[in-house]
Amino acid sequence: MCHFNTYDSGNILQTIIQVLLIQGAARLIFNYAYLKTKSIWTLYIIHLIFDLFFLFVIPILLNK
């Protein structure tokens, strides 16, 4: 729920569902990566790549 403010749409139920779906999907990816590598560093790198992608690549693509 630490990402709640990021997804806050004004409707608390809608926001909670959105957070759970998005974080749930991410958790599946993170869990799979951890099970394959047994390293928390893999999770850190995946999270960093996602963050950088959404911070830089998406805005660049949307501005074209």
PDB file of N, CA and C in Angstrom:
ATOM      1  N   MET A   1       0.820  -1.207   0.000  1.00  0.00           N
ATOM      2  CA  MET A   1       0.000   0.000   0.000  1.00  0.00           C
ATOM      3  C   MET A   1       0.861   1.266   0.000  1.00  0.00           C
ATOM      4  N   CYS A   2       2.183   1.100  -0.028  1.00  0.00           N
ATOM      5  CA  CYS A   2       3.037   2.292  -0.045  1.00  0.00           C
ATOM      6  C   CYS A   2       2.913   3.056  -1.357  1.00  0.00           C
ATOM      7  N   HIS A   3       2.369   2.434  -2.403  1.00  0.00           N
ATOM      8  CA  HIS A   3       2.168   3.111  -3.689  1.00  0.00           C
ATOM      9  C   HIS A   3       0.768   3.707  -3.807  1.00  0.00           C
ATOM     10  N   PHE A   4       0.003   3.713  -2.740  1.00  0.00           N
ATOM     11  CA  PHE A   4      -1.391   4.171  -2.789  1.00  0.00           C
ATOM     12  C   PHE A   4      -1.514   5.582  -3.354  1.00  0.00           C
ATOM     13  N   ASN A   5      -0.705   6.519  -2.872  1.00  0.00           N
ATOM     14  CA  ASN A   5      -0.805   7.905  -3.343  1.00  0.00           C
ATOM     15  C   ASN A   5      -0.483   8.047  -4.820  1.00  0.00           C
ATOM     16  N   THR A   6       0.363   7.188  -5.338  1.00  0.00           N
ATOM     17  CA  THR A   6       0.726   7.238  -6.749  1.00  0.00           C
ATOM     18  C   THR A   6      -0.483   6.955  -7.633  1.00  0.00           C
ATOM     19  N   TYR A   7      -1.328   6.031  -7.223  1.00  0.00           N
ATOM     20  CA  TYR A   7      -2.462   5.599  -8.041  1.00  0.00           C
ATOM     21  C   TYR A   7      -3.785   6.200  -7.584  1.00  0.00           C
ATOM     22  N   ASP A   8      -3.761   7.107  -6.631  1.00  0.00           N
ATOM     23  CA  ASP A   8      -4.993   7.665  -6.068  1.00  0.00           C
ATOM     24  C   ASP A   8      -5.820   8.373  -7.138  1.00  0.00           C
ATOM     25  N   SER A   9      -7.030   7.873  -7.364  1.00  0.00           N
ATOM     26  CA  SER A   9      -7.904   8.438  -8.394  1.00  0.00           C
ATOM     27  C   SER A   9      -9.072   9.211  -7.790  1.00  0.00           C
ATOM     28  N   GLY A  10      -9.118   9.315  -6.481  1.00  0.00           N
ATOM     29  CA  GLY A  10     -10.222   9.991  -5.825  1.00  0.00           C
ATOM     30  C   GLY A  10     -11.276   9.013  -5.325  1.00  0.00           C
ATOM     31  N   ASN A  11     -11.335   7.840  -5.917  1.00  0.00           N
ATOM     32  CA  ASN A  11     -12.259   6.784  -5.505  1.00  0.00           C
ATOM     33  C   ASN A  11     -11.438   5.725  -4.792  1.00  0.00           C
ATOM     34  N   ILE A  12     -11.640   5.581  -3.495  1.00  0.00           N
ATOM     35  CA  ILE A  12     -10.776   4.706  -2.688  1.00  0.00           C
ATOM     36  C   ILE A  12     -10.870   3.246  -3.128  1.00  0.00           C
ATOM     37  N   LEU A  13     -12.051   2.754  -3.446  1.00  0.00           N
ATOM     38  CA  LEU A  13     -12.200   1.357  -3.855  1.00  0.00           C
ATOM     39  C   LEU A  13     -11.508   1.108  -5.189  1.00  0.00           C
ATOM     40  N   GLN A  14     -11.699   2.012  -6.128  1.00  0.00           N
ATOM     41  CA  GLN A  14     -11.056   1.892  -7.431  1.00  0.00           C
ATOM     42  C   GLN A  14      -9.536   1.938  -7.286  1.00  0.00           C
ATOM     43  N   THR A  15      -9.061   2.811  -6.433  1.00  0.00           N
ATOM     44  CA  THR A  15      -7.618   2.943  -6.219  1.00  0.00           C
ATOM     45  C   THR A  15      -7.043   1.676  -5.599  1.00  0.00           C
ATOM     46  N   ILE A  16      -7.706   1.121  -4.605  1.00  0.00           N
ATOM     47  CA  ILE A  16      -7.225  -0.105  -3.962  1.00  0.00           C
ATOM     48  C   ILE A  16      -7.184  -1.257  -4.962  1.00  0.00           C
ATOM     49  N   ILE A  17      -8.212  -1.392  -5.779  1.00  0.00           N
ATOM     50  CA  ILE A  17      -8.239  -2.460  -6.788  1.00  0.00           C
ATOM     51  C   ILE A  17      -7.098  -2.264  -7.785  1.00  0.00           C
ATOM     52  N   GLN A  18      -6.900  -1.034  -8.229  1.00  0.00           N
ATOM     53  CA  GLN A  18      -5.829  -0.741  -9.179  1.00  0.00           C
ATOM     54  C   GLN A  18      -4.464  -1.062  -8.578  1.00  0.00           C
ATOM     55  N   VAL A  19      -4.238  -0.652  -7.345  1.00  0.00           N
ATOM     56  CA  VAL A  19      -2.960  -0.926  -6.682  1.00  0.00           C
ATOM     57  C   VAL A  19      -2.742  -2.428  -6.560  1.00  0.00           C
ATOM     58  N   LEU A  20      -3.755  -3.143  -6.139  1.00  0.00           N
ATOM     59  CA  LEU A  20      -3.615  -4.586  -5.966  1.00  0.00           C
ATOM     60  C   LEU A  20      -3.342  -5.295  -7.286  1.00  0.00           C
ATOM     61  N   LEU A  21      -4.001  -4.861  -8.356  1.00  0.00           N
ATOM     62  CA  LEU A  21      -3.772  -5.486  -9.657  1.00  0.00           C
ATOM     63  C   LEU A  21      -2.371  -5.181 -10.185  1.00  0.00           C
ATOM     64  N   ILE A  22      -1.984  -3.927 -10.127  1.00  0.00           N
ATOM     65  CA  ILE A  22      -0.666  -3.546 -10.636  1.00  0.00           C
ATOM     66  C   ILE A  22       0.443  -4.149  -9.782  1.00  0.00           C
ATOM     67  N   GLN A  23       0.327  -4.021  -8.475  1.00  0.00           N
ATOM     68  CA  GLN A  23       1.354  -4.559  -7.592  1.00  0.00           C
ATOM     69  C   GLN A  23       1.343  -6.087  -7.604  1.00  0.00           C
ATOM     70  N   GLY A  24       0.164  -6.663  -7.771  1.00  0.00           N
ATOM     71  CA  GLY A  24       0.067  -8.123  -7.856  1.00  0.00           C
ATOM     72  C   GLY A  24       0.782  -8.662  -9.086  1.00  0.00           C
ATOM     73  N   ALA A  25       0.605  -7.986 -10.219  1.00  0.00           N
ATOM     74  CA  ALA A  25       1.288  -8.398 -11.450  1.00  0.00           C
ATOM     75  C   ALA A  25       2.796  -8.241 -11.299  1.00  0.00           C
ATOM     76  N   ALA A  26       3.221  -7.132 -10.721  1.00  0.00           N
ATOM     77  CA  ALA A  26       4.652  -6.921 -10.496  1.00  0.00           C
ATOM     78  C   ALA A  26       5.204  -7.974  -9.546  1.00  0.00           C
ATOM     79  N   ARG A  27       4.455  -8.306  -8.527  1.00  0.00           N
ATOM     80  CA  ARG A  27       4.901  -9.297  -7.542  1.00  0.00           C
ATOM     81  C   ARG A  27       5.109 -10.647  -8.209  1.00  0.00           C
ATOM     82  N   LEU A  28       4.265 -11.020  -9.174  1.00  0.00           N
ATOM     83  CA  LEU A  28       4.448 -12.287  -9.884  1.00  0.00           C
ATOM     84  C   LEU A  28       5.786 -12.304 -10.630  1.00  0.00           C
ATOM     85  N   ILE A  29       6.107 -11.194 -11.274  1.00  0.00           N
ATOM     86  CA  ILE A  29       7.378 -11.091 -11.989  1.00  0.00           C
ATOM     87  C   ILE A  29       8.543 -11.169 -11.010  1.00  0.00           C
ATOM     88  N   PHE A  30       8.456 -10.437  -9.914  1.00  0.00           N
ATOM     89  CA  PHE A  30       9.528 -10.432  -8.919  1.00  0.00           C
ATOM     90  C   PHE A  30       9.693 -11.814  -8.282  1.00  0.00           C
ATOM     91  N   ASN A  31       8.593 -12.451  -7.941  1.00  0.00           N
ATOM     92  CA  ASN A  31       8.669 -13.778  -7.323  1.00  0.00           C
ATOM     93  C   ASN A  31       9.308 -14.790  -8.272  1.00  0.00           C
ATOM     94  N   TYR A  32       8.919 -14.739  -9.544  1.00  0.00           N
ATOM     95  CA  TYR A  32       9.490 -15.658 -10.527  1.00  0.00           C
ATOM     96  C   TYR A  32      10.999 -15.426 -10.654  1.00  0.00           C
ATOM     97  N   ALA A  33      11.396 -14.156 -10.741  1.00  0.00           N
ATOM     98  CA  ALA A  33      12.821 -13.835 -10.862  1.00  0.00           C
ATOM     99  C   ALA A  33      13.598 -14.318  -9.641  1.00  0.00           C
ATOM    100  N   TYR A  34      13.036 -14.131  -8.467  1.00  0.00           N
ATOM    101  CA  TYR A  34      13.721 -14.586  -7.253  1.00  0.00           C
ATOM    102  C   TYR A  34      13.846 -16.110  -7.223  1.00  0.00           C
ATOM    103  N   LEU A  35      12.784 -16.797  -7.593  1.00  0.00           N
ATOM    104  CA  LEU A  35      12.825 -18.260  -7.574  1.00  0.00           C
ATOM    105  C   LEU A  35      13.864 -18.801  -8.559  1.00  0.00           C
ATOM    106  N   LYS A  36      14.055 -18.100  -9.664  1.00  0.00           N
ATOM    107  CA  LYS A  36      15.040 -18.541 -10.649  1.00  0.00           C
ATOM    108  C   LYS A  36      16.475 -18.231 -10.234  1.00  0.00           C
ATOM    109  N   THR A  37      16.692 -17.094  -9.569  1.00  0.00           N
ATOM    110  CA  THR A  37      18.063 -16.659  -9.278  1.00  0.00           C
ATOM    111  C   THR A  37      18.455 -16.781  -7.808  1.00  0.00           C
ATOM    112  N   LYS A  38      17.478 -16.828  -6.916  1.00  0.00           N
ATOM    113  CA  LYS A  38      17.727 -16.857  -5.462  1.00  0.00           C
ATOM    114  C   LYS A  38      18.538 -15.638  -5.006  1.00  0.00           C
ATOM    115  N   SER A  39      18.318 -14.509  -5.686  1.00  0.00           N
ATOM    116  CA  SER A  39      19.061 -13.295  -5.345  1.00  0.00           C
ATOM    117  C   SER A  39      18.125 -12.101  -5.271  1.00  0.00           C
ATOM    118  N   ILE A  40      18.199 -11.364  -4.187  1.00  0.00           N
ATOM    119  CA  ILE A  40      17.387 -10.161  -4.035  1.00  0.00           C
ATOM    120  C   ILE A  40      17.878  -9.056  -4.966  1.00  0.00           C
ATOM    121  N   TRP A  41      19.126  -9.134  -5.404  1.00  0.00           N
ATOM    122  CA  TRP A  41      19.673  -8.142  -6.323  1.00  0.00           C
ATOM    123  C   TRP A  41      18.951  -8.188  -7.664  1.00  0.00           C
ATOM    124  N   THR A  42      18.502  -9.346  -8.078  1.00  0.00           N
ATOM    125  CA  THR A  42      17.734  -9.461  -9.320  1.00  0.00           C
ATOM    126  C   THR A  42      16.460  -8.643  -9.219  1.00  0.00           C
ATOM    127  N   LEU A  43      15.792  -8.720  -8.091  1.00  0.00           N
ATOM    128  CA  LEU A  43      14.561  -7.958  -7.890  1.00  0.00           C
ATOM    129  C   LEU A  43      14.840  -6.462  -7.927  1.00  0.00           C
ATOM    130  N   TYR A  44      15.935  -6.063  -7.310  1.00  0.00           N
ATOM    131  CA  TYR A  44      16.328  -4.657  -7.300  1.00  0.00           C
ATOM    132  C   TYR A  44      16.578  -4.157  -8.729  1.00  0.00           C
ATOM    133  N   ILE A  45      17.287  -4.936  -9.512  1.00  0.00           N
ATOM    134  CA  ILE A  45      17.606  -4.539 -10.892  1.00  0.00           C
ATOM    135  C   ILE A  45      16.344  -4.481 -11.742  1.00  0.00           C
ATOM    136  N   ILE A  46      15.442  -5.443 -11.597  1.00  0.00           N
ATOM    137  CA  ILE A  46      14.185  -5.422 -12.348  1.00  0.00           C
ATOM    138  C   ILE A  46      13.364  -4.195 -11.969  1.00  0.00           C
ATOM    139  N   HIS A  47      13.272  -3.903 -10.697  1.00  0.00           N
ATOM    140  CA  HIS A  47      12.524  -2.732 -10.233  1.00  0.00           C
ATOM    141  C   HIS A  47      13.142  -1.452 -10.787  1.00  0.00           C
ATOM    142  N   LEU A  48      14.445  -1.367 -10.784  1.00  0.00           N
ATOM    143  CA  LEU A  48      15.147  -0.203 -11.317  1.00  0.00           C
ATOM    144  C   LEU A  48      14.879  -0.038 -12.816  1.00  0.00           C
ATOM    145  N   ILE A  49      14.915  -1.139 -13.551  1.00  0.00           N
ATOM    146  CA  ILE A  49      14.643  -1.082 -15.000  1.00  0.00           C
ATOM    147  C   ILE A  49      13.216  -0.614 -15.258  1.00  0.00           C
ATOM    148  N   PHE A  50      12.255  -1.152 -14.537  1.00  0.00           N
ATOM    149  CA  PHE A  50      10.864  -0.708 -14.689  1.00  0.00           C
ATOM    150  C   PHE A  50      10.730   0.777 -14.385  1.00  0.00           C
ATOM    151  N   ASP A  51      11.329   1.222 -13.293  1.00  0.00           N
ATOM    152  CA  ASP A  51      11.242   2.633 -12.911  1.00  0.00           C
ATOM    153  C   ASP A  51      11.853   3.538 -13.969  1.00  0.00           C
ATOM    154  N   LEU A  52      13.022   3.174 -14.452  1.00  0.00           N
ATOM    155  CA  LEU A  52      13.681   3.985 -15.471  1.00  0.00           C
ATOM    156  C   LEU A  52      12.888   3.992 -16.770  1.00  0.00           C
ATOM    157  N   PHE A  53      12.309   2.838 -17.112  1.00  0.00           N
ATOM    158  CA  PHE A  53      11.499   2.748 -18.327  1.00  0.00           C
ATOM    159  C   PHE A  53      10.309   3.693 -18.246  1.00  0.00           C
ATOM    160  N   PHE A  54       9.590   3.640 -17.145  1.00  0.00           N
ATOM    161  CA  PHE A  54       8.408   4.485 -17.009  1.00  0.00           C
ATOM    162  C   PHE A  54       8.753   5.953 -16.788  1.00  0.00           C
ATOM    163  N   LEU A  55       9.935   6.219 -16.266  1.00  0.00           N
ATOM    164  CA  LEU A  55      10.350   7.595 -16.031  1.00  0.00           C
ATOM    165  C   LEU A  55      10.860   8.271 -17.301  1.00  0.00           C
ATOM    166  N   PHE A  56      11.569   7.523 -18.148  1.00  0.00           N
ATOM    167  CA  PHE A  56      12.205   8.134 -19.317  1.00  0.00           C
ATOM    168  C   PHE A  56      11.617   7.702 -20.660  1.00  0.00           C
ATOM    169  N   VAL A  57      11.435   6.415 -20.872  1.00  0.00           N
ATOM    170  CA  VAL A  57      11.043   5.919 -22.196  1.00  0.00           C
ATOM    171  C   VAL A  57       9.600   6.261 -22.523  1.00  0.00           C
ATOM    172  N   ILE A  58       8.675   6.000 -21.620  1.00  0.00           N
ATOM    173  CA  ILE A  58       7.263   6.279 -21.881  1.00  0.00           C
ATOM    174  C   ILE A  58       7.032   7.756 -22.198  1.00  0.00           C
ATOM    175  N   PRO A  59       7.536   8.710 -21.407  1.00  0.00           N
ATOM    176  CA  PRO A  59       7.340  10.121 -21.754  1.00  0.00           C
ATOM    177  C   PRO A  59       7.919  10.499 -23.119  1.00  0.00           C
ATOM    178  N   ILE A  60       9.068   9.927 -23.467  1.00  0.00           N
ATOM    179  CA  ILE A  60       9.664  10.212 -24.770  1.00  0.00           C
ATOM    180  C   ILE A  60       8.776   9.703 -25.882  1.00  0.00           C
ATOM    181  N   LEU A  61       8.242   8.496 -25.720  1.00  0.00           N
ATOM    182  CA  LEU A  61       7.361   7.916 -26.739  1.00  0.00           C
ATOM    183  C   LEU A  61       6.046   8.682 -26.864  1.00  0.00           C
ATOM    184  N   LEU A  62       5.546   9.168 -25.754  1.00  0.00           N
ATOM    185  CA  LEU A  62       4.278   9.911 -25.784  1.00  0.00           C
ATOM    186  C   LEU A  62       4.416  11.286 -26.398  1.00  0.00           C
ATOM    187  N   ASN A  63       5.619  11.847 -26.387  1.00  0.00           N
ATOM    188  CA  ASN A  63       5.843  13.171 -26.960  1.00  0.00           C
ATOM    189  C   ASN A  63       6.054  13.158 -28.467  1.00  0.00           C
ATOM    190  N   LYS A  64       6.184  11.996 -29.064  1.00  0.00           N
ATOM    191  CA  LYS A  64       6.397  11.915 -30.519  1.00  0.00           C
ATOM    192  C   LYS A  64       5.105  12.058 -31.267  1.00  0.00           C
TER     193      LYS A  64
END
